[in-house]
Amino acid sequence: MHLKKLNIGIIGLGHWGPNLVRNFATNNRCEIKYVCDLKESNFSRVENLIPANCLKTKNAKELIQSSEINTVVVATSASSHYPLVKMSLIAGKHVFCEKPLTLDSEQDKELYELANRLQLKLMVGYTFLFNRAINELKEMVTQNRMGQIYYLSSTRTHMGLVRDDTSAIWDLAPHDVAIMNYLLESLPERVSAVASSPLGLKYPDVSFINLLYPNGIMGQIHVSWVDSNKERILRIIGSKARAVFNDLDGLEPVRLFEKGIGIGSQDQVNYGEFKFLLRDGDIISPKIELHEPLKMIVNSFVSVVLDEAKNITDGFFAYNISRTILAAHRSIENYGCPEEIKNS
């Protein structure tokens, strides 16, 4: 049956839930029918965003099995995603799930295969792929503005917002893995990582992760919950130029530095030595019309369900990110030894 409107139930009104409520509520092709949270006090956070007749419950199963809805939005802790998403799909509901899909790549695989088998849409909230600045970087890569890409390096640090249900790696690094996979249109073949827990937590709260992509392209990711300097920076280094994305810079989020170094052609080589060519040029700050990425991904999800639009952050996309994060954790347990990621 072709749907004309999404009747939505949202589970989880904590940290990220109200933002999802706001964006679904302002989409005229959606109606929020049900909201769910274990804490009574959290309902007041969305009181002015939901319709007066919107139902409220502390029971997720009640929401999922309601005939009032055809779509479930999951915005709970990562450890609860798997049972909630699975229950929703079995109940015949389309699902939008906050990232990561689960903390287990095999569970990811089970969920995306279940969604495909039931002909339901499953989308995971990797919002940076809907960030106009990241889209600008993608265009630069496609247009070969950086030349041959040597490596990518990202830093995602802050102090606070420490979680007790997962690691800083699961909390922060999936964003950067998603961005790198998207920009390179490939998956890492090998992962190595080191980590520590200076706060004495059960899970690591700081980590350095190294990725090896096809064609020898390297990726490095640094994540931390204990750095007083908040940073959200991605650098792409190429033979022609260096591109920098600073998510905390609202005026110039992307800058292209037309400086690079490469090896000269064979006829320029003298005395059996390579001749390196240095390039110098302008610093370009493209004009980017910024929009809230969460709004963009919500609108995309609506189009995926109602218009059969392409789903670029589906369950399979999430599965490949989980495989990378799990490989990083295995490497940490093996004192930084590289872990292979086999094609699936």
C-alpha atoms as a PDB file:
ATOM      1  CA  MET A   1       0.000   0.000   0.000  1.00  0.00           C
ATOM      2  CA  HIS A   2       1.411   3.366  -1.021  1.00  0.00           C
ATOM      3  CA  LEU A   3       1.501   5.771   1.906  1.00  0.00           C
ATOM      4  CA  LYS A   4       0.607   9.421   1.524  1.00  0.00           C
ATOM      5  CA  LYS A   5       1.649  10.473   5.011  1.00  0.00           C
ATOM      6  CA  LEU A   6       3.862   9.250   7.829  1.00  0.00           C
ATOM      7  CA  ASN A   7       2.045   8.667  11.094  1.00  0.00           C
ATOM      8  CA  ILE A   8       4.909   8.626  13.530  1.00  0.00           C
ATOM      9  CA  GLY A   9       5.692   7.243  16.955  1.00  0.00           C
ATOM     10  CA  ILE A  10       8.884   8.516  18.588  1.00  0.00           C
ATOM     11  CA  ILE A  11      10.670   6.497  21.269  1.00  0.00           C
ATOM     12  CA  GLY A  12      13.130   8.445  23.405  1.00  0.00           C
ATOM     13  CA  LEU A  13      12.739  12.084  24.439  1.00  0.00           C
ATOM     14  CA  GLY A  14      16.101  12.559  26.111  1.00  0.00           C
ATOM     15  CA  HIS A  15      19.170  14.237  24.614  1.00  0.00           C
ATOM     16  CA  TRP A  16      18.384  13.993  20.874  1.00  0.00           C
ATOM     17  CA  GLY A  17      14.707  13.047  20.884  1.00  0.00           C
ATOM     18  CA  PRO A  18      13.210  16.563  21.159  1.00  0.00           C
ATOM     19  CA  ASN A  19      15.216  17.679  18.104  1.00  0.00           C
ATOM     20  CA  LEU A  20      13.765  14.797  16.105  1.00  0.00           C
ATOM     21  CA  VAL A  21      10.279  15.614  17.383  1.00  0.00           C
ATOM     22  CA  ARG A  22      10.716  19.228  16.258  1.00  0.00           C
ATOM     23  CA  ASN A  23      11.859  18.297  12.760  1.00  0.00           C
ATOM     24  CA  PHE A  24       9.227  15.638  12.144  1.00  0.00           C
ATOM     25  CA  ALA A  25       6.543  17.952  13.558  1.00  0.00           C
ATOM     26  CA  THR A  26       7.422  20.701  11.077  1.00  0.00           C
ATOM     27  CA  ASN A  27       7.330  18.388   8.044  1.00  0.00           C
ATOM     28  CA  ASN A  28       3.858  18.693   6.509  1.00  0.00           C
ATOM     29  CA  ARG A  29       3.967  15.092   5.291  1.00  0.00           C
ATOM     30  CA  CYS A  30       4.232  13.779   8.846  1.00  0.00           C
ATOM     31  CA  GLU A  31       2.027  13.654  11.912  1.00  0.00           C
ATOM     32  CA  ILE A  32       3.303  12.655  15.328  1.00  0.00           C
ATOM     33  CA  LYS A  33       0.742  10.291  16.819  1.00  0.00           C
ATOM     34  CA  TYR A  34       2.644   8.788  19.742  1.00  0.00           C
ATOM     35  CA  VAL A  35       5.638   9.606  21.951  1.00  0.00           C
ATOM     36  CA  CYS A  36       7.352   7.336  24.461  1.00  0.00           C
ATOM     37  CA  ASP A  37       9.867   7.772  27.246  1.00  0.00           C
ATOM     38  CA  LEU A  38      10.573   6.016  30.525  1.00  0.00           C
ATOM     39  CA  LYS A  39      10.848   9.339  32.366  1.00  0.00           C
ATOM     40  CA  GLU A  40       7.592  11.192  32.950  1.00  0.00           C
ATOM     41  CA  SER A  41       9.453  14.504  33.164  1.00  0.00           C
ATOM     42  CA  ASN A  42      10.727  14.197  29.582  1.00  0.00           C
ATOM     43  CA  PHE A  43       7.236  14.558  28.109  1.00  0.00           C
ATOM     44  CA  SER A  44       7.275  18.230  29.088  1.00  0.00           C
ATOM     45  CA  ARG A  45      10.274  18.737  26.779  1.00  0.00           C
ATOM     46  CA  VAL A  46       8.093  18.181  23.708  1.00  0.00           C
ATOM     47  CA  GLU A  47       4.746  19.455  25.014  1.00  0.00           C
ATOM     48  CA  ASN A  48       4.756  22.478  22.712  1.00  0.00           C
ATOM     49  CA  LEU A  49       5.897  20.469  19.683  1.00  0.00           C
ATOM     50  CA  ILE A  50       3.329  17.674  19.504  1.00  0.00           C
ATOM     51  CA  PRO A  51      -0.395  17.787  18.638  1.00  0.00           C
ATOM     52  CA  ALA A  52      -2.841  18.025  21.515  1.00  0.00           C
ATOM     53  CA  ASN A  53      -4.209  14.564  20.688  1.00  0.00           C
ATOM     54  CA  CYS A  54      -0.761  12.920  20.588  1.00  0.00           C
ATOM     55  CA  LEU A  55      -0.669   9.836  22.804  1.00  0.00           C
ATOM     56  CA  LYS A  56       1.999   9.413  25.486  1.00  0.00           C
ATOM     57  CA  THR A  57       3.291   6.201  26.970  1.00  0.00           C
ATOM     58  CA  LYS A  58       6.176   4.727  28.950  1.00  0.00           C
ATOM     59  CA  ASN A  59       5.688   1.404  27.152  1.00  0.00           C
ATOM     60  CA  ALA A  60       7.606   1.141  23.864  1.00  0.00           C
ATOM     61  CA  LYS A  61       5.814  -2.063  22.874  1.00  0.00           C
ATOM     62  CA  GLU A  62       2.458  -0.294  23.177  1.00  0.00           C
ATOM     63  CA  LEU A  63       3.634   2.415  20.777  1.00  0.00           C
ATOM     64  CA  ILE A  64       5.183  -0.005  18.287  1.00  0.00           C
ATOM     65  CA  GLN A  65       2.094  -2.205  18.080  1.00  0.00           C
ATOM     66  CA  SER A  66      -0.319   0.717  17.734  1.00  0.00           C
ATOM     67  CA  SER A  67      -2.400   0.778  14.553  1.00  0.00           C
ATOM     68  CA  GLU A  68      -2.230   4.585  14.740  1.00  0.00           C
ATOM     69  CA  ILE A  69       1.308   4.653  13.366  1.00  0.00           C
ATOM     70  CA  ASN A  70       3.167   3.372  10.303  1.00  0.00           C
ATOM     71  CA  THR A  71       6.618   4.675  11.239  1.00  0.00           C
ATOM     72  CA  VAL A  72       8.795   4.417  14.348  1.00  0.00           C
ATOM     73  CA  VAL A  73      11.617   6.791  15.267  1.00  0.00           C
ATOM     74  CA  VAL A  74      14.139   5.346  17.735  1.00  0.00           C
ATOM     75  CA  ALA A  75      16.152   7.896  19.739  1.00  0.00           C
ATOM     76  CA  THR A  76      17.129   5.865  22.788  1.00  0.00           C
ATOM     77  CA  SER A  77      20.504   4.699  24.102  1.00  0.00           C
ATOM     78  CA  ALA A  78      22.504   2.685  21.569  1.00  0.00           C
ATOM     79  CA  SER A  79      22.309  -0.504  23.612  1.00  0.00           C
ATOM     80  CA  SER A  80      18.501  -0.557  23.256  1.00  0.00           C
ATOM     81  CA  HIS A  81      18.347   0.000  19.488  1.00  0.00           C
ATOM     82  CA  TYR A  82      18.423  -3.625  18.374  1.00  0.00           C
ATOM     83  CA  PRO A  83      15.290  -4.910  20.185  1.00  0.00           C
ATOM     84  CA  LEU A  84      13.302  -1.744  19.445  1.00  0.00           C
ATOM     85  CA  VAL A  85      14.158  -1.649  15.735  1.00  0.00           C
ATOM     86  CA  LYS A  86      13.565  -5.381  15.324  1.00  0.00           C
ATOM     87  CA  MET A  87      10.207  -5.208  17.091  1.00  0.00           C
ATOM     88  CA  SER A  88       9.197  -2.243  14.921  1.00  0.00           C
ATOM     89  CA  LEU A  89      10.096  -3.975  11.662  1.00  0.00           C
ATOM     90  CA  ILE A  90       8.275  -7.161  12.660  1.00  0.00           C
ATOM     91  CA  ALA A  91       5.251  -4.976  13.443  1.00  0.00           C
ATOM     92  CA  GLY A  92       5.381  -3.688   9.851  1.00  0.00           C
ATOM     93  CA  LYS A  93       6.680  -0.195  10.611  1.00  0.00           C
ATOM     94  CA  HIS A  94       9.237   1.849   8.720  1.00  0.00           C
ATOM     95  CA  VAL A  95      12.092   2.893  11.011  1.00  0.00           C
ATOM     96  CA  PHE A  96      14.366   5.875  11.466  1.00  0.00           C
ATOM     97  CA  CYS A  97      17.028   5.052  14.067  1.00  0.00           C
ATOM     98  CA  GLU A  98      19.574   7.352  15.627  1.00  0.00           C
ATOM     99  CA  LYS A  99      23.185   6.255  15.055  1.00  0.00           C
ATOM    100  CA  PRO A 100      24.662   3.738  15.588  1.00  0.00           C
ATOM    101  CA  LEU A 101      22.079   1.219  14.444  1.00  0.00           C
ATOM    102  CA  THR A 102      23.370  -1.291  17.020  1.00  0.00           C
ATOM    103  CA  LEU A 103      26.635  -2.058  18.797  1.00  0.00           C
ATOM    104  CA  ASP A 104      27.021  -5.348  16.915  1.00  0.00           C
ATOM    105  CA  SER A 105      27.583  -5.610  13.163  1.00  0.00           C
ATOM    106  CA  GLU A 106      25.826  -8.992  13.003  1.00  0.00           C
ATOM    107  CA  GLN A 107      22.739  -7.397  14.535  1.00  0.00           C
ATOM    108  CA  ASP A 108      23.004  -4.605  11.962  1.00  0.00           C
ATOM    109  CA  LYS A 109      23.097  -7.208   9.214  1.00  0.00           C
ATOM    110  CA  GLU A 110      20.085  -9.003  10.653  1.00  0.00           C
ATOM    111  CA  LEU A 111      18.093  -5.765  10.789  1.00  0.00           C
ATOM    112  CA  TYR A 112      18.853  -4.551   7.270  1.00  0.00           C
ATOM    113  CA  GLU A 113      18.102  -8.012   5.869  1.00  0.00           C
ATOM    114  CA  LEU A 114      14.845  -8.081   7.838  1.00  0.00           C
ATOM    115  CA  ALA A 115      13.860  -4.648   6.508  1.00  0.00           C
ATOM    116  CA  ASN A 116      14.603  -5.722   2.937  1.00  0.00           C
ATOM    117  CA  ARG A 117      12.684  -8.969   3.331  1.00  0.00           C
ATOM    118  CA  LEU A 118       9.642  -7.154   4.716  1.00  0.00           C
ATOM    119  CA  GLN A 119       9.970  -4.358   2.106  1.00  0.00           C
ATOM    120  CA  LEU A 120      10.264  -1.717   4.810  1.00  0.00           C
ATOM    121  CA  LYS A 121      12.526   1.319   4.979  1.00  0.00           C
ATOM    122  CA  LEU A 122      15.273   1.472   7.585  1.00  0.00           C
ATOM    123  CA  MET A 123      17.351   4.632   7.802  1.00  0.00           C
ATOM    124  CA  VAL A 124      20.099   5.453  10.297  1.00  0.00           C
ATOM    125  CA  GLY A 125      20.813   8.992  11.484  1.00  0.00           C
ATOM    126  CA  TYR A 126      24.241   9.723  10.062  1.00  0.00           C
ATOM    127  CA  THR A 127      23.409  13.406   9.771  1.00  0.00           C
ATOM    128  CA  PHE A 128      26.804  14.613   8.553  1.00  0.00           C
ATOM    129  CA  LEU A 129      26.090  13.155   5.126  1.00  0.00           C
ATOM    130  CA  PHE A 130      23.326  15.767   4.918  1.00  0.00           C
ATOM    131  CA  ASN A 131      25.564  18.621   6.003  1.00  0.00           C
ATOM    132  CA  ARG A 132      25.974  21.106   3.135  1.00  0.00           C
ATOM    133  CA  ALA A 133      29.642  21.607   4.016  1.00  0.00           C
ATOM    134  CA  ILE A 134      30.329  17.869   3.725  1.00  0.00           C
ATOM    135  CA  ASN A 135      28.389  17.845   0.457  1.00  0.00           C
ATOM    136  CA  GLU A 136      30.699  20.643  -0.753  1.00  0.00           C
ATOM    137  CA  LEU A 137      33.738  18.529   0.167  1.00  0.00           C
ATOM    138  CA  LYS A 138      32.231  15.607  -1.704  1.00  0.00           C
ATOM    139  CA  GLU A 139      31.900  17.764  -4.811  1.00  0.00           C
ATOM    140  CA  MET A 140      35.528  18.870  -4.472  1.00  0.00           C
ATOM    141  CA  VAL A 141      36.662  15.244  -4.281  1.00  0.00           C
ATOM    142  CA  THR A 142      34.510  14.312  -7.282  1.00  0.00           C
ATOM    143  CA  GLN A 143      35.946  17.230  -9.282  1.00  0.00           C
ATOM    144  CA  ASN A 144      39.508  16.182  -8.364  1.00  0.00           C
ATOM    145  CA  ARG A 145      40.168  19.564  -6.730  1.00  0.00           C
ATOM    146  CA  MET A 146      42.618  17.992  -4.256  1.00  0.00           C
ATOM    147  CA  GLY A 147      44.273  15.800  -6.889  1.00  0.00           C
ATOM    148  CA  GLN A 148      45.460  12.430  -5.654  1.00  0.00           C
ATOM    149  CA  ILE A 149      44.219  12.064  -2.090  1.00  0.00           C
ATOM    150  CA  TYR A 150      47.001  11.071   0.298  1.00  0.00           C
ATOM    151  CA  TYR A 151      45.140  10.912   3.591  1.00  0.00           C
ATOM    152  CA  LEU A 152      42.270  12.232   5.713  1.00  0.00           C
ATOM    153  CA  SER A 153      42.559  13.277   9.340  1.00  0.00           C
ATOM    154  CA  SER A 154      39.751  14.117  11.758  1.00  0.00           C
ATOM    155  CA  THR A 155      39.545  15.376  15.330  1.00  0.00           C
ATOM    156  CA  ARG A 156      36.352  15.124  17.363  1.00  0.00           C
ATOM    157  CA  THR A 157      36.969  16.133  20.967  1.00  0.00           C
ATOM    158  CA  HIS A 158      35.199  17.774  23.891  1.00  0.00           C
ATOM    159  CA  MET A 159      35.002  17.683  27.654  1.00  0.00           C
ATOM    160  CA  GLY A 160      31.854  16.314  29.208  1.00  0.00           C
ATOM    161  CA  LEU A 161      28.772  14.518  27.875  1.00  0.00           C
ATOM    162  CA  VAL A 162      30.410  11.317  29.068  1.00  0.00           C
ATOM    163  CA  ARG A 163      28.290   8.192  28.627  1.00  0.00           C
ATOM    164  CA  ASP A 164      28.350   5.077  30.768  1.00  0.00           C
ATOM    165  CA  ASP A 165      26.749   2.684  28.256  1.00  0.00           C
ATOM    166  CA  THR A 166      29.401   2.789  25.539  1.00  0.00           C
ATOM    167  CA  SER A 167      32.843   4.122  24.589  1.00  0.00           C
ATOM    168  CA  ALA A 168      33.899   7.459  23.147  1.00  0.00           C
ATOM    169  CA  ILE A 169      34.738   5.446  20.035  1.00  0.00           C
ATOM    170  CA  TRP A 170      31.150   4.280  19.538  1.00  0.00           C
ATOM    171  CA  ASP A 171      29.825   7.711  20.514  1.00  0.00           C
ATOM    172  CA  LEU A 172      31.991   9.887  18.274  1.00  0.00           C
ATOM    173  CA  ALA A 173      33.988   7.946  15.675  1.00  0.00           C
ATOM    174  CA  PRO A 174      31.031   6.620  13.605  1.00  0.00           C
ATOM    175  CA  HIS A 175      30.475  10.180  12.343  1.00  0.00           C
ATOM    176  CA  ASP A 176      33.994  10.348  10.923  1.00  0.00           C
ATOM    177  CA  VAL A 177      33.986   6.827   9.505  1.00  0.00           C
ATOM    178  CA  ALA A 178      30.692   7.678   7.778  1.00  0.00           C
ATOM    179  CA  ILE A 179      32.127  10.888   6.327  1.00  0.00           C
ATOM    180  CA  MET A 180      35.325   9.221   5.090  1.00  0.00           C
ATOM    181  CA  ASN A 181      33.435   6.292   3.533  1.00  0.00           C
ATOM    182  CA  TYR A 182      31.094   8.772   1.837  1.00  0.00           C
ATOM    183  CA  LEU A 183      33.865  11.002   0.482  1.00  0.00           C
ATOM    184  CA  LEU A 184      36.023   8.132  -0.768  1.00  0.00           C
ATOM    185  CA  GLU A 185      33.120   5.921  -1.892  1.00  0.00           C
ATOM    186  CA  SER A 186      34.941   2.965  -0.396  1.00  0.00           C
ATOM    187  CA  LEU A 187      35.397   1.038   2.835  1.00  0.00           C
ATOM    188  CA  PRO A 188      38.531   0.663   4.955  1.00  0.00           C
ATOM    189  CA  GLU A 189      40.406  -2.586   4.474  1.00  0.00           C
ATOM    190  CA  ARG A 190      42.391  -2.480   7.701  1.00  0.00           C
ATOM    191  CA  VAL A 191      41.995  -0.789  11.090  1.00  0.00           C
ATOM    192  CA  SER A 192      44.336  -0.254  14.008  1.00  0.00           C
ATOM    193  CA  ALA A 193      43.652   1.682  17.188  1.00  0.00           C
ATOM    194  CA  VAL A 194      44.877   2.513  20.669  1.00  0.00           C
ATOM    195  CA  ALA A 195      42.786   3.866  23.519  1.00  0.00           C
ATOM    196  CA  SER A 196      42.775   4.622  27.221  1.00  0.00           C
ATOM    197  CA  SER A 197      40.373   5.456  30.034  1.00  0.00           C
ATOM    198  CA  PRO A 198      41.912   8.326  32.023  1.00  0.00           C
ATOM    199  CA  LEU A 199      38.552   8.846  33.735  1.00  0.00           C
ATOM    200  CA  GLY A 200      38.618   5.274  34.975  1.00  0.00           C
ATOM    201  CA  LEU A 201      35.488   4.328  33.059  1.00  0.00           C
ATOM    202  CA  LYS A 202      34.463   0.854  31.964  1.00  0.00           C
ATOM    203  CA  TYR A 203      34.937   1.876  28.327  1.00  0.00           C
ATOM    204  CA  PRO A 204      37.685   3.975  26.646  1.00  0.00           C
ATOM    205  CA  ASP A 205      37.124   7.723  26.674  1.00  0.00           C
ATOM    206  CA  VAL A 206      39.985   8.671  24.333  1.00  0.00           C
ATOM    207  CA  SER A 207      41.263   6.922  21.216  1.00  0.00           C
ATOM    208  CA  PHE A 208      43.410   7.240  18.095  1.00  0.00           C
ATOM    209  CA  ILE A 209      42.160   5.171  15.153  1.00  0.00           C
ATOM    210  CA  ASN A 210      43.988   4.488  11.877  1.00  0.00           C
ATOM    211  CA  LEU A 211      42.174   3.332   8.748  1.00  0.00           C
ATOM    212  CA  LEU A 212      43.668   2.045   5.504  1.00  0.00           C
ATOM    213  CA  TYR A 213      41.479   2.504   2.421  1.00  0.00           C
ATOM    214  CA  PRO A 214      42.028   1.127  -1.094  1.00  0.00           C
ATOM    215  CA  ASN A 215      44.820   2.728  -3.156  1.00  0.00           C
ATOM    216  CA  GLY A 216      46.837   3.322   0.005  1.00  0.00           C
ATOM    217  CA  ILE A 217      44.702   6.220   1.234  1.00  0.00           C
ATOM    218  CA  MET A 218      44.985   6.604   4.989  1.00  0.00           C
ATOM    219  CA  GLY A 219      42.441   7.913   7.457  1.00  0.00           C
ATOM    220  CA  GLN A 220      43.125   8.918  11.039  1.00  0.00           C
ATOM    221  CA  ILE A 221      40.480   9.663  13.650  1.00  0.00           C
ATOM    222  CA  HIS A 222      41.064  11.128  17.113  1.00  0.00           C
ATOM    223  CA  VAL A 223      38.146  11.103  19.547  1.00  0.00           C
ATOM    224  CA  SER A 224      38.064  12.208  23.174  1.00  0.00           C
ATOM    225  CA  TRP A 225      35.669  13.017  25.995  1.00  0.00           C
ATOM    226  CA  VAL A 226      38.431  14.544  28.130  1.00  0.00           C
ATOM    227  CA  ASP A 227      39.849  17.341  25.965  1.00  0.00           C
ATOM    228  CA  SER A 228      38.916  20.835  27.170  1.00  0.00           C
ATOM    229  CA  ASN A 229      39.374  22.123  23.613  1.00  0.00           C
ATOM    230  CA  LYS A 230      36.260  21.235  21.642  1.00  0.00           C
ATOM    231  CA  GLU A 231      37.157  20.454  18.037  1.00  0.00           C
ATOM    232  CA  ARG A 232      35.211  19.159  15.058  1.00  0.00           C
ATOM    233  CA  ILE A 233      37.727  19.245  12.222  1.00  0.00           C
ATOM    234  CA  LEU A 234      38.336  17.140   9.112  1.00  0.00           C
ATOM    235  CA  ARG A 235      41.343  17.610   6.834  1.00  0.00           C
ATOM    236  CA  ILE A 236      41.819  16.106   3.379  1.00  0.00           C
ATOM    237  CA  ILE A 237      45.389  16.214   2.087  1.00  0.00           C
ATOM    238  CA  GLY A 238      46.006  15.756  -1.627  1.00  0.00           C
ATOM    239  CA  SER A 239      48.659  16.313  -4.276  1.00  0.00           C
ATOM    240  CA  LYS A 240      47.031  19.530  -5.499  1.00  0.00           C
ATOM    241  CA  ALA A 241      45.382  20.979  -2.416  1.00  0.00           C
ATOM    242  CA  ARG A 242      44.327  20.610   1.199  1.00  0.00           C
ATOM    243  CA  ALA A 243      40.676  20.946   2.224  1.00  0.00           C
ATOM    244  CA  VAL A 244      39.573  21.666   5.790  1.00  0.00           C
ATOM    245  CA  PHE A 245      36.095  21.313   7.269  1.00  0.00           C
ATOM    246  CA  ASN A 246      35.551  23.012  10.626  1.00  0.00           C
ATOM    247  CA  ASP A 247      32.099  22.214  11.941  1.00  0.00           C
ATOM    248  CA  LEU A 248      32.413  24.911  14.626  1.00  0.00           C
ATOM    249  CA  ASP A 249      33.050  27.684  12.082  1.00  0.00           C
ATOM    250  CA  GLY A 250      29.676  29.060  11.042  1.00  0.00           C
ATOM    251  CA  LEU A 251      31.152  31.583   8.592  1.00  0.00           C
ATOM    252  CA  GLU A 252      33.732  29.545   6.676  1.00  0.00           C
ATOM    253  CA  PRO A 253      33.110  25.863   7.423  1.00  0.00           C
ATOM    254  CA  VAL A 254      35.076  24.739   4.344  1.00  0.00           C
ATOM    255  CA  ARG A 255      38.379  26.131   3.127  1.00  0.00           C
ATOM    256  CA  LEU A 256      40.458  24.908   0.193  1.00  0.00           C
ATOM    257  CA  PHE A 257      44.189  25.635   0.286  1.00  0.00           C
ATOM    258  CA  GLU A 258      45.582  25.277  -3.225  1.00  0.00           C
ATOM    259  CA  LYS A 259      48.969  24.098  -2.052  1.00  0.00           C
ATOM    260  CA  GLY A 260      50.266  20.619  -2.707  1.00  0.00           C
ATOM    261  CA  ILE A 261      53.224  18.429  -3.479  1.00  0.00           C
ATOM    262  CA  GLY A 262      53.556  15.668  -6.049  1.00  0.00           C
ATOM    263  CA  ILE A 263      56.136  13.748  -8.035  1.00  0.00           C
ATOM    264  CA  GLY A 264      57.165  15.195 -11.384  1.00  0.00           C
ATOM    265  CA  SER A 265      56.845  13.311 -14.657  1.00  0.00           C
ATOM    266  CA  GLN A 266      59.569  10.838 -15.645  1.00  0.00           C
ATOM    267  CA  ASP A 267      61.210  13.229 -18.127  1.00  0.00           C
ATOM    268  CA  GLN A 268      61.719  15.739 -15.320  1.00  0.00           C
ATOM    269  CA  VAL A 269      63.764  13.308 -13.242  1.00  0.00           C
ATOM    270  CA  ASN A 270      67.475  14.135 -13.135  1.00  0.00           C
ATOM    271  CA  TYR A 271      70.346  11.884 -12.035  1.00  0.00           C
ATOM    272  CA  GLY A 272      68.022   9.078 -11.004  1.00  0.00           C
ATOM    273  CA  GLU A 273      66.295  11.187  -8.361  1.00  0.00           C
ATOM    274  CA  PHE A 274      62.624  12.010  -8.094  1.00  0.00           C
ATOM    275  CA  LYS A 275      61.764  15.627  -8.607  1.00  0.00           C
ATOM    276  CA  PHE A 276      59.011  16.862  -6.352  1.00  0.00           C
ATOM    277  CA  LEU A 277      56.709  19.541  -7.684  1.00  0.00           C
ATOM    278  CA  LEU A 278      55.464  22.138  -5.228  1.00  0.00           C
ATOM    279  CA  ARG A 279      52.229  23.888  -6.067  1.00  0.00           C
ATOM    280  CA  ASP A 280      51.057  27.171  -4.605  1.00  0.00           C
ATOM    281  CA  GLY A 281      47.789  28.964  -5.140  1.00  0.00           C
ATOM    282  CA  ASP A 282      44.802  30.615  -3.565  1.00  0.00           C
ATOM    283  CA  ILE A 283      42.889  29.949  -0.386  1.00  0.00           C
ATOM    284  CA  ILE A 284      39.249  29.464  -1.336  1.00  0.00           C
ATOM    285  CA  SER A 285      36.298  29.658   1.013  1.00  0.00           C
ATOM    286  CA  PRO A 286      33.213  28.607  -0.963  1.00  0.00           C
ATOM    287  CA  LYS A 287      29.877  30.155  -0.128  1.00  0.00           C
ATOM    288  CA  ILE A 288      27.747  27.483   1.497  1.00  0.00           C
ATOM    289  CA  GLU A 289      24.072  27.926   2.218  1.00  0.00           C
ATOM    290  CA  LEU A 290      23.818  26.125   5.517  1.00  0.00           C
ATOM    291  CA  HIS A 291      20.732  24.225   6.626  1.00  0.00           C
ATOM    292  CA  GLU A 292      20.160  22.136   9.721  1.00  0.00           C
ATOM    293  CA  PRO A 293      21.488  18.669   8.791  1.00  0.00           C
ATOM    294  CA  LEU A 294      18.927  16.971  11.031  1.00  0.00           C
ATOM    295  CA  LYS A 295      16.127  18.663   9.118  1.00  0.00           C
ATOM    296  CA  MET A 296      17.686  17.548   5.843  1.00  0.00           C
ATOM    297  CA  ILE A 297      17.972  13.900   6.910  1.00  0.00           C
ATOM    298  CA  VAL A 298      14.412  13.892   8.276  1.00  0.00           C
ATOM    299  CA  ASN A 299      13.144  15.276   4.966  1.00  0.00           C
ATOM    300  CA  SER A 300      15.210  12.673   3.129  1.00  0.00           C
ATOM    301  CA  PHE A 301      13.747   9.857   5.235  1.00  0.00           C
ATOM    302  CA  VAL A 302      10.233  11.057   4.446  1.00  0.00           C
ATOM    303  CA  SER A 303      11.076  11.006   0.728  1.00  0.00           C
ATOM    304  CA  VAL A 304      12.653   7.551   1.049  1.00  0.00           C
ATOM    305  CA  VAL A 305       9.418   6.162   2.494  1.00  0.00           C
ATOM    306  CA  LEU A 306       6.831   8.113   0.507  1.00  0.00           C
ATOM    307  CA  ASP A 307       8.623   8.688  -2.807  1.00  0.00           C
ATOM    308  CA  GLU A 308      11.035   5.728  -3.015  1.00  0.00           C
ATOM    309  CA  ALA A 309      13.991   8.151  -2.965  1.00  0.00           C
ATOM    310  CA  LYS A 310      17.513   6.745  -2.584  1.00  0.00           C
ATOM    311  CA  ASN A 311      18.401   5.793   0.985  1.00  0.00           C
ATOM    312  CA  ILE A 312      22.097   6.661   1.417  1.00  0.00           C
ATOM    313  CA  THR A 313      22.274   5.810   5.140  1.00  0.00           C
ATOM    314  CA  ASP A 314      20.393   2.532   5.128  1.00  0.00           C
ATOM    315  CA  GLY A 315      21.042  -0.508   7.291  1.00  0.00           C
ATOM    316  CA  PHE A 316      23.827  -1.760   5.024  1.00  0.00           C
ATOM    317  CA  PHE A 317      25.651   1.571   5.292  1.00  0.00           C
ATOM    318  CA  ALA A 318      25.337   1.359   9.085  1.00  0.00           C
ATOM    319  CA  TYR A 319      26.526  -2.252   9.048  1.00  0.00           C
ATOM    320  CA  ASN A 320      29.797  -1.304   7.367  1.00  0.00           C
ATOM    321  CA  ILE A 321      30.442   1.451   9.901  1.00  0.00           C
ATOM    322  CA  SER A 322      29.813  -0.943  12.792  1.00  0.00           C
ATOM    323  CA  ARG A 323      32.276  -3.430  11.312  1.00  0.00           C
ATOM    324  CA  THR A 324      34.922  -0.700  11.301  1.00  0.00           C
ATOM    325  CA  ILE A 325      34.246   0.384  14.893  1.00  0.00           C
ATOM    326  CA  LEU A 326      34.283  -3.213  16.123  1.00  0.00           C
ATOM    327  CA  ALA A 327      37.576  -3.796  14.310  1.00  0.00           C
ATOM    328  CA  ALA A 328      38.987  -0.758  16.126  1.00  0.00           C
ATOM    329  CA  HIS A 329      37.914  -2.224  19.466  1.00  0.00           C
ATOM    330  CA  ARG A 330      39.503  -5.579  18.589  1.00  0.00           C
ATOM    331  CA  SER A 331      42.724  -3.784  17.710  1.00  0.00           C
ATOM    332  CA  ILE A 332      42.671  -1.974  21.057  1.00  0.00           C
ATOM    333  CA  GLU A 333      42.300  -5.306  22.853  1.00  0.00           C
ATOM    334  CA  ASN A 334      45.303  -6.586  20.854  1.00  0.00           C
ATOM    335  CA  TYR A 335      47.516  -3.620  21.784  1.00  0.00           C
ATOM    336  CA  GLY A 336      47.067  -1.806  18.486  1.00  0.00           C
ATOM    337  CA  CYS A 337      47.640  -4.704  16.107  1.00  0.00           C
ATOM    338  CA  PRO A 338      45.930  -4.144  12.717  1.00  0.00           C
ATOM    339  CA  GLU A 339      42.591  -5.832  12.096  1.00  0.00           C
ATOM    340  CA  GLU A 340      41.504  -6.792   8.587  1.00  0.00           C
ATOM    341  CA  ILE A 341      37.976  -5.957   7.411  1.00  0.00           C
ATOM    342  CA  LYS A 342      36.904  -8.543   4.891  1.00  0.00           C
ATOM    343  CA  ASN A 343      34.468  -7.803   2.083  1.00  0.00           C
ATOM    344  CA  SER A 344      30.936  -8.961   2.838  1.00  0.00           C
END
